[in-house]
N, C-alpha and C. Protein backbone atom coordinates (compact mmCIF):
# COMPACT_ATOMS: atom_id res chain seq x y z
N VAL A 1 0.86 -1.19 0.00
CA VAL A 1 0.00 0.00 0.00
C VAL A 1 0.89 1.23 0.00
N GLN A 2 0.64 2.14 -0.92
CA GLN A 2 1.44 3.36 -1.03
C GLN A 2 0.55 4.59 -0.92
N LEU A 3 1.08 5.61 -0.25
CA LEU A 3 0.36 6.85 -0.09
C LEU A 3 1.21 7.99 -0.63
N GLN A 4 0.59 8.86 -1.39
CA GLN A 4 1.28 10.00 -1.99
C GLN A 4 0.52 11.27 -1.63
N ALA A 5 1.15 12.08 -0.78
CA ALA A 5 0.52 13.33 -0.33
C ALA A 5 0.96 14.49 -1.20
N SER A 6 0.07 15.48 -1.29
CA SER A 6 0.38 16.68 -2.06
C SER A 6 -0.45 17.84 -1.53
N GLY A 7 -0.07 19.05 -1.93
CA GLY A 7 -0.89 20.21 -1.62
C GLY A 7 -0.33 21.18 -0.61
N GLY A 8 0.80 20.87 -0.01
CA GLY A 8 1.38 21.80 0.94
C GLY A 8 1.91 23.05 0.26
N GLY A 9 2.27 24.03 1.07
CA GLY A 9 2.82 25.25 0.51
C GLY A 9 2.80 26.38 1.51
N LEU A 10 2.99 27.57 1.00
CA LEU A 10 3.03 28.78 1.83
C LEU A 10 1.70 29.52 1.71
N VAL A 11 1.17 29.92 2.84
CA VAL A 11 -0.10 30.65 2.86
C VAL A 11 -0.06 31.67 3.98
N GLN A 12 -0.77 32.76 3.80
CA GLN A 12 -0.82 33.79 4.83
C GLN A 12 -1.78 33.38 5.94
N PRO A 13 -1.58 33.90 7.13
CA PRO A 13 -2.53 33.62 8.21
C PRO A 13 -3.96 33.96 7.78
N GLY A 14 -4.87 33.08 8.12
CA GLY A 14 -6.25 33.25 7.70
C GLY A 14 -6.58 32.62 6.36
N GLY A 15 -5.57 32.18 5.67
CA GLY A 15 -5.77 31.60 4.36
C GLY A 15 -6.15 30.12 4.42
N SER A 16 -6.21 29.51 3.24
CA SER A 16 -6.64 28.12 3.11
C SER A 16 -5.67 27.32 2.26
N LEU A 17 -5.60 26.05 2.55
CA LEU A 17 -4.87 25.09 1.75
C LEU A 17 -5.66 23.79 1.72
N ARG A 18 -5.45 23.03 0.68
CA ARG A 18 -6.11 21.74 0.54
C ARG A 18 -5.04 20.68 0.33
N LEU A 19 -4.97 19.74 1.23
CA LEU A 19 -4.04 18.63 1.11
C LEU A 19 -4.78 17.42 0.55
N SER A 20 -4.10 16.69 -0.31
CA SER A 20 -4.67 15.47 -0.85
C SER A 20 -3.70 14.32 -0.67
N CYS A 21 -4.24 13.13 -0.58
CA CYS A 21 -3.42 11.93 -0.44
C CYS A 21 -4.03 10.84 -1.29
N ALA A 22 -3.27 10.36 -2.24
CA ALA A 22 -3.72 9.27 -3.10
C ALA A 22 -3.19 7.95 -2.54
N VAL A 23 -4.08 6.99 -2.41
CA VAL A 23 -3.73 5.68 -1.85
C VAL A 23 -3.83 4.63 -2.94
N SER A 24 -2.81 3.82 -3.08
CA SER A 24 -2.82 2.78 -4.09
C SER A 24 -2.29 1.49 -3.51
N GLY A 25 -2.56 0.40 -4.19
CA GLY A 25 -2.03 -0.89 -3.78
C GLY A 25 -2.91 -1.66 -2.83
N GLY A 26 -4.10 -1.16 -2.55
CA GLY A 26 -5.02 -1.85 -1.67
C GLY A 26 -6.45 -1.48 -2.00
N ILE A 27 -7.38 -2.02 -1.26
CA ILE A 27 -8.79 -1.66 -1.45
C ILE A 27 -9.07 -0.50 -0.51
N PHE A 28 -9.10 0.69 -1.07
CA PHE A 28 -9.13 1.91 -0.26
C PHE A 28 -10.29 1.94 0.71
N SER A 29 -11.43 1.46 0.30
CA SER A 29 -12.62 1.56 1.14
C SER A 29 -12.50 0.76 2.44
N LEU A 30 -11.53 -0.14 2.53
CA LEU A 30 -11.35 -0.92 3.74
C LEU A 30 -10.58 -0.18 4.84
N PHE A 31 -9.91 0.87 4.46
CA PHE A 31 -9.00 1.55 5.38
C PHE A 31 -9.67 2.70 6.13
N ALA A 32 -9.27 2.86 7.38
CA ALA A 32 -9.45 4.14 8.06
C ALA A 32 -8.30 5.03 7.61
N VAL A 33 -8.59 6.29 7.33
CA VAL A 33 -7.55 7.19 6.85
C VAL A 33 -7.52 8.43 7.74
N ALA A 34 -6.36 9.01 7.83
CA ALA A 34 -6.18 10.13 8.75
C ALA A 34 -5.06 11.04 8.28
N TRP A 35 -5.04 12.21 8.85
CA TRP A 35 -3.93 13.13 8.69
C TRP A 35 -3.29 13.37 10.05
N TYR A 36 -1.97 13.38 10.04
CA TYR A 36 -1.18 13.69 11.21
C TYR A 36 -0.28 14.87 10.85
N ARG A 37 0.33 15.44 11.87
CA ARG A 37 1.32 16.48 11.62
C ARG A 37 2.43 16.38 12.66
N GLN A 38 3.58 16.88 12.27
CA GLN A 38 4.74 16.75 13.14
C GLN A 38 5.66 17.94 12.97
N ALA A 39 5.95 18.59 14.08
CA ALA A 39 6.91 19.67 14.09
C ALA A 39 8.29 19.10 14.40
N PRO A 40 9.34 19.77 13.96
CA PRO A 40 10.70 19.29 14.24
C PRO A 40 10.93 19.09 15.73
N GLY A 41 11.44 17.93 16.10
CA GLY A 41 11.74 17.65 17.49
C GLY A 41 10.56 17.28 18.34
N LYS A 42 9.38 17.18 17.74
CA LYS A 42 8.18 16.83 18.50
C LYS A 42 7.57 15.55 17.95
N GLU A 43 6.69 14.96 18.77
CA GLU A 43 6.02 13.75 18.33
C GLU A 43 4.95 14.07 17.28
N ARG A 44 4.74 13.10 16.44
CA ARG A 44 3.68 13.24 15.45
C ARG A 44 2.33 13.23 16.17
N GLU A 45 1.45 14.14 15.76
CA GLU A 45 0.15 14.22 16.40
C GLU A 45 -0.97 14.05 15.38
N TRP A 46 -2.02 13.44 15.86
CA TRP A 46 -3.18 13.18 15.02
C TRP A 46 -3.94 14.48 14.81
N VAL A 47 -4.43 14.70 13.60
CA VAL A 47 -5.16 15.92 13.27
C VAL A 47 -6.63 15.62 12.99
N ALA A 48 -6.89 14.67 12.10
CA ALA A 48 -8.25 14.34 11.70
C ALA A 48 -8.27 12.93 11.16
N ALA A 49 -9.41 12.28 11.30
CA ALA A 49 -9.52 10.90 10.85
C ALA A 49 -10.91 10.64 10.31
N ILE A 50 -10.99 9.70 9.38
CA ILE A 50 -12.28 9.27 8.86
C ILE A 50 -12.21 7.75 8.70
N THR A 51 -13.17 7.07 9.29
CA THR A 51 -13.14 5.61 9.27
C THR A 51 -13.66 5.07 7.94
N SER A 52 -13.60 3.76 7.80
CA SER A 52 -14.07 3.13 6.57
C SER A 52 -15.57 3.32 6.38
N ASP A 53 -16.30 3.52 7.48
CA ASP A 53 -17.74 3.73 7.35
C ASP A 53 -18.12 5.21 7.39
N GLY A 54 -17.11 6.10 7.35
CA GLY A 54 -17.37 7.52 7.21
C GLY A 54 -17.45 8.33 8.49
N SER A 55 -17.19 7.71 9.63
CA SER A 55 -17.18 8.47 10.88
C SER A 55 -15.96 9.38 10.92
N ILE A 56 -16.16 10.60 11.40
CA ILE A 56 -15.11 11.63 11.34
C ILE A 56 -14.84 12.18 12.73
N ASP A 57 -13.59 12.49 12.97
CA ASP A 57 -13.22 13.13 14.23
C ASP A 57 -12.03 14.05 13.98
N TYR A 58 -11.91 15.07 14.82
CA TYR A 58 -10.84 16.05 14.71
C TYR A 58 -10.24 16.32 16.08
N ARG A 59 -8.97 16.72 16.08
CA ARG A 59 -8.40 17.20 17.33
C ARG A 59 -9.01 18.57 17.59
N ASP A 60 -9.09 18.93 18.86
CA ASP A 60 -9.82 20.14 19.24
C ASP A 60 -9.29 21.40 18.55
N SER A 61 -8.00 21.49 18.38
CA SER A 61 -7.41 22.73 17.88
C SER A 61 -7.75 23.02 16.42
N VAL A 62 -8.28 22.03 15.71
CA VAL A 62 -8.61 22.26 14.30
C VAL A 62 -10.10 22.18 14.01
N LYS A 63 -10.88 21.84 15.02
CA LYS A 63 -12.33 21.73 14.82
C LYS A 63 -12.89 23.07 14.34
N GLY A 64 -13.75 23.00 13.34
CA GLY A 64 -14.34 24.21 12.77
C GLY A 64 -13.48 24.88 11.72
N ARG A 65 -12.23 24.44 11.59
CA ARG A 65 -11.33 25.03 10.59
C ARG A 65 -10.93 24.02 9.52
N PHE A 66 -10.73 22.78 9.91
CA PHE A 66 -10.30 21.74 8.98
C PHE A 66 -11.45 20.80 8.68
N THR A 67 -11.46 20.27 7.46
CA THR A 67 -12.45 19.28 7.06
C THR A 67 -11.76 18.14 6.34
N ILE A 68 -11.98 16.94 6.84
CA ILE A 68 -11.43 15.75 6.19
C ILE A 68 -12.54 15.08 5.38
N SER A 69 -12.16 14.54 4.24
CA SER A 69 -13.13 13.82 3.42
C SER A 69 -12.41 12.72 2.67
N ARG A 70 -13.16 11.77 2.19
CA ARG A 70 -12.58 10.67 1.41
C ARG A 70 -13.43 10.42 0.19
N ASP A 71 -12.76 9.94 -0.85
CA ASP A 71 -13.42 9.55 -2.08
C ASP A 71 -13.01 8.11 -2.36
N ASN A 72 -13.92 7.19 -2.11
CA ASN A 72 -13.59 5.77 -2.26
C ASN A 72 -13.45 5.35 -3.72
N VAL A 73 -13.95 6.13 -4.63
CA VAL A 73 -13.79 5.82 -6.06
C VAL A 73 -12.41 6.24 -6.53
N LYS A 74 -12.02 7.44 -6.15
CA LYS A 74 -10.70 7.94 -6.55
C LYS A 74 -9.59 7.48 -5.61
N ALA A 75 -9.97 6.85 -4.48
CA ALA A 75 -9.00 6.38 -3.48
C ALA A 75 -8.14 7.53 -2.97
N THR A 76 -8.80 8.59 -2.57
CA THR A 76 -8.10 9.75 -2.05
C THR A 76 -8.71 10.22 -0.73
N VAL A 77 -7.88 10.82 0.08
CA VAL A 77 -8.35 11.47 1.30
C VAL A 77 -7.84 12.91 1.25
N THR A 78 -8.71 13.83 1.61
CA THR A 78 -8.43 15.25 1.47
C THR A 78 -8.58 15.95 2.81
N LEU A 79 -7.73 16.92 3.04
CA LEU A 79 -7.85 17.76 4.23
C LEU A 79 -7.95 19.21 3.77
N GLN A 80 -9.13 19.77 3.91
CA GLN A 80 -9.34 21.18 3.60
C GLN A 80 -9.04 21.97 4.86
N MET A 81 -8.10 22.89 4.76
CA MET A 81 -7.67 23.66 5.93
C MET A 81 -7.99 25.13 5.70
N ASN A 82 -8.85 25.66 6.53
CA ASN A 82 -9.25 27.07 6.46
C ASN A 82 -8.80 27.79 7.72
N SER A 83 -8.82 29.11 7.64
CA SER A 83 -8.45 29.95 8.79
C SER A 83 -7.13 29.50 9.39
N LEU A 84 -6.17 29.30 8.54
CA LEU A 84 -4.88 28.78 9.00
C LEU A 84 -4.16 29.77 9.92
N LYS A 85 -3.46 29.21 10.88
CA LYS A 85 -2.73 29.98 11.87
C LYS A 85 -1.24 29.65 11.79
N PRO A 86 -0.39 30.54 12.23
CA PRO A 86 1.05 30.24 12.20
C PRO A 86 1.39 28.94 12.92
N GLU A 87 0.66 28.61 13.96
CA GLU A 87 0.95 27.37 14.68
C GLU A 87 0.55 26.12 13.91
N ASP A 88 -0.10 26.28 12.76
CA ASP A 88 -0.38 25.14 11.89
C ASP A 88 0.81 24.82 10.99
N THR A 89 1.85 25.59 11.12
CA THR A 89 3.06 25.40 10.29
C THR A 89 3.82 24.18 10.75
N VAL A 90 3.69 23.10 10.01
CA VAL A 90 4.39 21.85 10.27
C VAL A 90 4.28 20.99 9.02
N ALA A 91 4.93 19.83 9.06
CA ALA A 91 4.76 18.84 8.00
C ALA A 91 3.53 17.98 8.31
N TYR A 92 2.73 17.73 7.29
CA TYR A 92 1.52 16.93 7.42
C TYR A 92 1.71 15.59 6.72
N TYR A 93 1.23 14.53 7.36
CA TYR A 93 1.38 13.18 6.85
C TYR A 93 0.02 12.50 6.75
N CYS A 94 -0.22 11.81 5.65
CA CYS A 94 -1.44 11.01 5.57
C CYS A 94 -1.16 9.59 6.01
N ASN A 95 -2.19 8.97 6.52
CA ASN A 95 -2.07 7.64 7.11
C ASN A 95 -3.27 6.80 6.69
N ALA A 96 -3.01 5.54 6.39
CA ALA A 96 -4.07 4.57 6.14
C ALA A 96 -3.85 3.39 7.07
N ARG A 97 -4.91 2.95 7.68
CA ARG A 97 -4.77 1.91 8.71
C ARG A 97 -5.88 0.88 8.58
N ARG A 98 -5.43 -0.37 8.74
CA ARG A 98 -6.40 -1.45 8.80
C ARG A 98 -5.98 -2.36 9.93
N SER A 99 -6.87 -2.62 10.84
CA SER A 99 -6.49 -3.32 12.07
C SER A 99 -6.53 -4.82 11.94
N SER A 100 -7.20 -5.36 10.92
CA SER A 100 -7.28 -6.81 10.79
C SER A 100 -7.54 -7.19 9.35
N GLY A 101 -7.33 -8.45 9.05
CA GLY A 101 -7.65 -8.96 7.72
C GLY A 101 -6.65 -8.57 6.66
N ILE A 102 -7.09 -8.69 5.43
CA ILE A 102 -6.20 -8.36 4.31
C ILE A 102 -5.78 -6.90 4.41
N TYR A 103 -4.54 -6.63 4.07
CA TYR A 103 -3.93 -5.29 4.12
C TYR A 103 -3.75 -4.78 5.54
N ARG A 104 -3.82 -5.67 6.52
CA ARG A 104 -3.64 -5.22 7.90
C ARG A 104 -2.31 -4.50 8.03
N GLY A 105 -2.35 -3.33 8.66
CA GLY A 105 -1.11 -2.58 8.84
C GLY A 105 -1.37 -1.09 8.94
N ASP A 106 -0.29 -0.38 9.08
CA ASP A 106 -0.29 1.08 9.27
C ASP A 106 0.62 1.64 8.18
N TYR A 107 0.07 2.46 7.31
CA TYR A 107 0.80 2.93 6.14
C TYR A 107 0.86 4.46 6.15
N TRP A 108 2.02 4.97 5.71
CA TRP A 108 2.25 6.41 5.77
C TRP A 108 2.70 6.96 4.42
N GLY A 109 2.23 8.17 4.15
CA GLY A 109 2.76 8.90 3.02
C GLY A 109 3.93 9.76 3.45
N GLN A 110 4.59 10.37 2.49
CA GLN A 110 5.66 11.29 2.82
C GLN A 110 5.05 12.58 3.32
N GLY A 111 5.75 13.35 4.05
CA GLY A 111 5.22 14.59 4.58
C GLY A 111 5.08 15.65 3.51
N THR A 112 4.11 16.53 3.73
CA THR A 112 3.97 17.70 2.87
C THR A 112 3.95 18.91 3.80
N LEU A 113 4.81 19.87 3.50
CA LEU A 113 5.03 20.98 4.42
C LEU A 113 4.02 22.10 4.21
N VAL A 114 3.42 22.52 5.29
CA VAL A 114 2.52 23.67 5.29
C VAL A 114 3.18 24.79 6.09
N THR A 115 3.31 25.94 5.47
CA THR A 115 3.89 27.11 6.13
C THR A 115 2.88 28.24 6.14
N VAL A 116 2.54 28.69 7.33
CA VAL A 116 1.58 29.79 7.48
C VAL A 116 2.35 31.00 8.00
N SER A 117 2.52 31.96 7.13
CA SER A 117 3.35 33.11 7.48
C SER A 117 2.98 34.30 6.62
N SER A 118 3.10 35.48 7.19
CA SER A 118 2.86 36.70 6.43
C SER A 118 4.18 37.23 5.85
């Protein structure tokens, strides 16, 4: 299973970015997918997740600003980020996870850097 993230870049405070992650090599609809982020020298932290049946959750600091979605036909997971703040400046990673059965495992894409700065 391979994940390819894209969409990072530089944006001013209050602006928006859309991250996408294409998943290949497995049956995408079976996976729970999520976005994490990690600042240099810090642990990776969970940002948003969407299960295989469409249940969604967010960490408190991004609720109301970020929206996660999935497209099971295109095998993609997207993170729409609005009202960005300088503290959102970190590398973002997409994750696909299956806890049992075929494709069981934890899969990661490469990081995509988001910089929020004026």
